[in-house]
N, C-alpha and C. Protein backbone atom coordinates (compact mmCIF):
# COMPACT_ATOMS: atom_id res chain seq x y z
N MET A 1 -3.67 -54.97 11.61
CA MET A 1 -2.59 -54.65 10.71
C MET A 1 -2.15 -55.92 10.00
N ASN A 2 -1.88 -55.80 8.75
CA ASN A 2 -1.46 -56.94 7.96
C ASN A 2 0.06 -56.88 7.78
N THR A 3 0.75 -57.74 8.52
CA THR A 3 2.22 -57.75 8.47
C THR A 3 2.72 -58.05 7.07
N ASN A 4 2.00 -58.90 6.33
CA ASN A 4 2.43 -59.22 4.97
C ASN A 4 2.42 -57.99 4.07
N VAL A 5 1.43 -57.13 4.25
CA VAL A 5 1.36 -55.91 3.44
C VAL A 5 2.50 -54.97 3.84
N ILE A 6 2.75 -54.83 5.13
CA ILE A 6 3.87 -53.99 5.59
C ILE A 6 5.18 -54.50 4.98
N ASP A 7 5.41 -55.81 5.07
CA ASP A 7 6.63 -56.39 4.53
C ASP A 7 6.74 -56.13 3.03
N PHE A 8 5.62 -56.29 2.32
CA PHE A 8 5.60 -56.05 0.88
C PHE A 8 5.94 -54.59 0.56
N VAL A 9 5.33 -53.67 1.29
CA VAL A 9 5.60 -52.25 1.07
C VAL A 9 7.08 -51.93 1.32
N VAL A 10 7.61 -52.44 2.42
CA VAL A 10 9.02 -52.20 2.75
C VAL A 10 9.93 -52.76 1.65
N GLU A 11 9.67 -53.98 1.21
CA GLU A 11 10.50 -54.58 0.17
C GLU A 11 10.38 -53.82 -1.15
N THR A 12 9.20 -53.32 -1.46
CA THR A 12 9.01 -52.56 -2.69
C THR A 12 9.76 -51.24 -2.62
N ILE A 13 9.70 -50.56 -1.48
CA ILE A 13 10.46 -49.32 -1.31
C ILE A 13 11.96 -49.59 -1.47
N LYS A 14 12.43 -50.65 -0.84
CA LYS A 14 13.86 -50.99 -0.94
C LYS A 14 14.24 -51.28 -2.38
N LYS A 15 13.38 -51.96 -3.09
CA LYS A 15 13.66 -52.35 -4.48
C LYS A 15 13.79 -51.13 -5.39
N PHE A 16 12.88 -50.17 -5.25
CA PHE A 16 12.85 -49.04 -6.17
C PHE A 16 13.57 -47.81 -5.67
N HIS A 17 14.01 -47.83 -4.43
CA HIS A 17 14.62 -46.61 -3.90
C HIS A 17 16.01 -46.86 -3.32
N ASN A 18 16.52 -48.05 -3.54
CA ASN A 18 17.89 -48.38 -3.12
C ASN A 18 18.12 -48.05 -1.64
N LYS A 19 17.20 -48.50 -0.80
CA LYS A 19 17.29 -48.24 0.63
C LYS A 19 17.41 -49.55 1.42
N SER A 20 18.09 -50.52 0.86
CA SER A 20 18.16 -51.83 1.50
C SER A 20 18.90 -51.81 2.83
N GLU A 21 19.76 -50.82 3.04
CA GLU A 21 20.53 -50.77 4.28
C GLU A 21 19.75 -50.16 5.44
N ILE A 22 18.62 -49.55 5.17
CA ILE A 22 17.83 -48.88 6.21
C ILE A 22 16.76 -49.83 6.73
N GLU A 23 16.69 -49.96 8.05
CA GLU A 23 15.63 -50.77 8.65
C GLU A 23 14.35 -49.95 8.64
N MET A 24 13.28 -50.55 8.14
CA MET A 24 11.99 -49.86 8.04
C MET A 24 10.93 -50.70 8.72
N ASN A 25 9.93 -50.00 9.25
CA ASN A 25 8.75 -50.65 9.82
C ASN A 25 7.56 -49.73 9.63
N LYS A 26 6.42 -50.09 10.22
CA LYS A 26 5.19 -49.32 10.01
C LYS A 26 5.32 -47.88 10.49
N ASN A 27 6.23 -47.60 11.40
CA ASN A 27 6.39 -46.25 11.95
C ASN A 27 7.41 -45.40 11.21
N THR A 28 8.07 -45.98 10.22
CA THR A 28 9.07 -45.23 9.45
C THR A 28 8.38 -44.10 8.70
N LYS A 29 8.87 -42.90 8.90
CA LYS A 29 8.32 -41.74 8.20
C LYS A 29 8.83 -41.73 6.76
N LEU A 30 7.89 -41.63 5.82
CA LEU A 30 8.27 -41.66 4.41
C LEU A 30 9.15 -40.48 4.04
N ASP A 31 8.91 -39.32 4.65
CA ASP A 31 9.75 -38.17 4.29
C ASP A 31 11.19 -38.35 4.75
N SER A 32 11.41 -39.21 5.73
CA SER A 32 12.79 -39.47 6.18
C SER A 32 13.57 -40.31 5.17
N LEU A 33 12.85 -40.94 4.24
CA LEU A 33 13.51 -41.77 3.22
C LEU A 33 13.89 -40.97 1.98
N ALA A 34 13.47 -39.72 1.91
CA ALA A 34 13.80 -38.83 0.79
C ALA A 34 13.43 -39.46 -0.56
N ILE A 35 12.22 -40.01 -0.63
CA ILE A 35 11.74 -40.60 -1.88
C ILE A 35 11.21 -39.48 -2.76
N ASP A 36 11.74 -39.39 -3.98
CA ASP A 36 11.24 -38.36 -4.89
C ASP A 36 9.95 -38.84 -5.55
N SER A 37 9.28 -37.93 -6.24
CA SER A 37 7.96 -38.23 -6.81
C SER A 37 8.03 -39.33 -7.87
N ILE A 38 9.06 -39.36 -8.65
CA ILE A 38 9.18 -40.40 -9.69
C ILE A 38 9.37 -41.77 -9.05
N SER A 39 10.21 -41.84 -8.04
CA SER A 39 10.40 -43.12 -7.34
C SER A 39 9.10 -43.57 -6.69
N PHE A 40 8.35 -42.61 -6.12
CA PHE A 40 7.10 -42.99 -5.47
C PHE A 40 6.10 -43.53 -6.49
N ILE A 41 6.03 -42.92 -7.65
CA ILE A 41 5.13 -43.43 -8.70
C ILE A 41 5.56 -44.83 -9.13
N ARG A 42 6.85 -45.08 -9.24
CA ARG A 42 7.32 -46.43 -9.58
C ARG A 42 6.91 -47.43 -8.49
N ILE A 43 6.99 -47.02 -7.25
CA ILE A 43 6.56 -47.86 -6.13
C ILE A 43 5.07 -48.14 -6.24
N ILE A 44 4.28 -47.11 -6.53
CA ILE A 44 2.83 -47.28 -6.67
C ILE A 44 2.50 -48.25 -7.80
N VAL A 45 3.15 -48.08 -8.94
CA VAL A 45 2.89 -48.98 -10.08
C VAL A 45 3.19 -50.42 -9.70
N GLU A 46 4.30 -50.66 -9.03
CA GLU A 46 4.65 -52.01 -8.59
C GLU A 46 3.58 -52.57 -7.65
N ILE A 47 3.13 -51.75 -6.72
CA ILE A 47 2.09 -52.18 -5.78
C ILE A 47 0.80 -52.50 -6.53
N GLU A 48 0.39 -51.61 -7.43
CA GLU A 48 -0.84 -51.82 -8.19
C GLU A 48 -0.78 -53.12 -9.00
N GLU A 49 0.32 -53.32 -9.69
CA GLU A 49 0.44 -54.51 -10.54
C GLU A 49 0.51 -55.79 -9.71
N THR A 50 1.20 -55.76 -8.60
CA THR A 50 1.36 -56.95 -7.78
C THR A 50 0.08 -57.30 -7.03
N LEU A 51 -0.59 -56.29 -6.47
CA LEU A 51 -1.79 -56.53 -5.66
C LEU A 51 -3.08 -56.45 -6.48
N ASN A 52 -2.95 -56.11 -7.76
CA ASN A 52 -4.10 -56.00 -8.65
C ASN A 52 -5.14 -55.02 -8.09
N ILE A 53 -4.65 -53.85 -7.70
CA ILE A 53 -5.51 -52.78 -7.23
C ILE A 53 -5.15 -51.51 -7.98
N GLN A 54 -5.97 -50.47 -7.80
CA GLN A 54 -5.66 -49.18 -8.41
C GLN A 54 -5.80 -48.09 -7.35
N PHE A 55 -4.77 -47.28 -7.21
CA PHE A 55 -4.81 -46.16 -6.29
C PHE A 55 -5.82 -45.14 -6.79
N ASP A 56 -6.58 -44.54 -5.88
CA ASP A 56 -7.43 -43.41 -6.23
C ASP A 56 -6.54 -42.22 -6.54
N ASP A 57 -6.99 -41.37 -7.46
CA ASP A 57 -6.17 -40.22 -7.86
C ASP A 57 -5.73 -39.36 -6.68
N ASP A 58 -6.59 -39.23 -5.69
CA ASP A 58 -6.27 -38.40 -4.53
C ASP A 58 -5.16 -38.99 -3.65
N PHE A 59 -4.79 -40.24 -3.91
CA PHE A 59 -3.80 -40.92 -3.07
C PHE A 59 -2.53 -41.29 -3.83
N LEU A 60 -2.27 -40.58 -4.91
CA LEU A 60 -1.08 -40.84 -5.72
C LEU A 60 0.15 -40.04 -5.29
N MET A 61 -0.04 -39.13 -4.38
CA MET A 61 1.06 -38.27 -3.93
C MET A 61 1.62 -38.77 -2.60
N ILE A 62 2.93 -38.78 -2.48
CA ILE A 62 3.57 -39.27 -1.26
C ILE A 62 3.14 -38.45 -0.04
N GLU A 63 2.76 -37.21 -0.25
CA GLU A 63 2.35 -36.35 0.86
C GLU A 63 1.10 -36.86 1.58
N GLN A 64 0.37 -37.77 0.95
CA GLN A 64 -0.83 -38.35 1.56
C GLN A 64 -0.49 -39.32 2.69
N TYR A 65 0.77 -39.73 2.77
CA TYR A 65 1.18 -40.77 3.72
C TYR A 65 2.34 -40.26 4.57
N LYS A 66 2.15 -40.23 5.87
CA LYS A 66 3.24 -39.82 6.75
C LYS A 66 4.19 -40.98 7.02
N THR A 67 3.64 -42.18 7.16
CA THR A 67 4.45 -43.35 7.52
C THR A 67 4.15 -44.52 6.60
N ILE A 68 4.99 -45.54 6.68
CA ILE A 68 4.72 -46.77 5.95
C ILE A 68 3.40 -47.37 6.43
N GLY A 69 3.10 -47.23 7.71
CA GLY A 69 1.84 -47.72 8.26
C GLY A 69 0.63 -47.04 7.63
N ASP A 70 0.72 -45.74 7.33
CA ASP A 70 -0.37 -45.04 6.66
C ASP A 70 -0.61 -45.63 5.27
N LEU A 71 0.46 -45.91 4.56
CA LEU A 71 0.35 -46.52 3.23
C LEU A 71 -0.24 -47.92 3.36
N GLU A 72 0.16 -48.68 4.35
CA GLU A 72 -0.38 -50.02 4.57
C GLU A 72 -1.88 -49.96 4.86
N GLU A 73 -2.32 -48.99 5.66
CA GLU A 73 -3.74 -48.85 5.98
C GLU A 73 -4.55 -48.56 4.71
N TYR A 74 -4.03 -47.70 3.85
CA TYR A 74 -4.71 -47.41 2.60
C TYR A 74 -4.78 -48.67 1.73
N LEU A 75 -3.68 -49.39 1.64
CA LEU A 75 -3.67 -50.61 0.84
C LEU A 75 -4.62 -51.66 1.41
N ALA A 76 -4.71 -51.78 2.71
CA ALA A 76 -5.62 -52.73 3.31
C ALA A 76 -7.07 -52.40 2.93
N ARG A 77 -7.43 -51.12 2.92
CA ARG A 77 -8.77 -50.72 2.49
C ARG A 77 -9.01 -51.08 1.03
N LYS A 78 -8.00 -50.81 0.18
CA LYS A 78 -8.14 -51.10 -1.25
C LYS A 78 -8.27 -52.62 -1.49
N ILE A 79 -7.52 -53.40 -0.75
CA ILE A 79 -7.59 -54.87 -0.89
C ILE A 79 -8.97 -55.35 -0.47
N ASP A 80 -9.50 -54.79 0.61
CA ASP A 80 -10.83 -55.17 1.08
C ASP A 80 -11.92 -54.82 0.07
N GLU A 81 -11.73 -53.72 -0.67
CA GLU A 81 -12.69 -53.30 -1.69
C GLU A 81 -12.66 -54.21 -2.92
N ALA A 82 -11.52 -54.83 -3.16
CA ALA A 82 -11.35 -55.64 -4.38
C ALA A 82 -12.16 -56.92 -4.32
């Protein structure tokens, strides 16, 4: 697990979803954060631009990820492919 990626994902969620008061980690369930689809797309765009990667179309929906850790695992694979 890449702690830096987890930290980046958490900070990006906090930035675009105004959830700075909530403690998050790899086990935080994304549905518990009540992120709407527009906020999630904004989070994805920030991740793509910062990490210089592109999400596959099948992974653009928040429903693909149960936890922050699931999103981190996907990002780790994408970083390895780059």
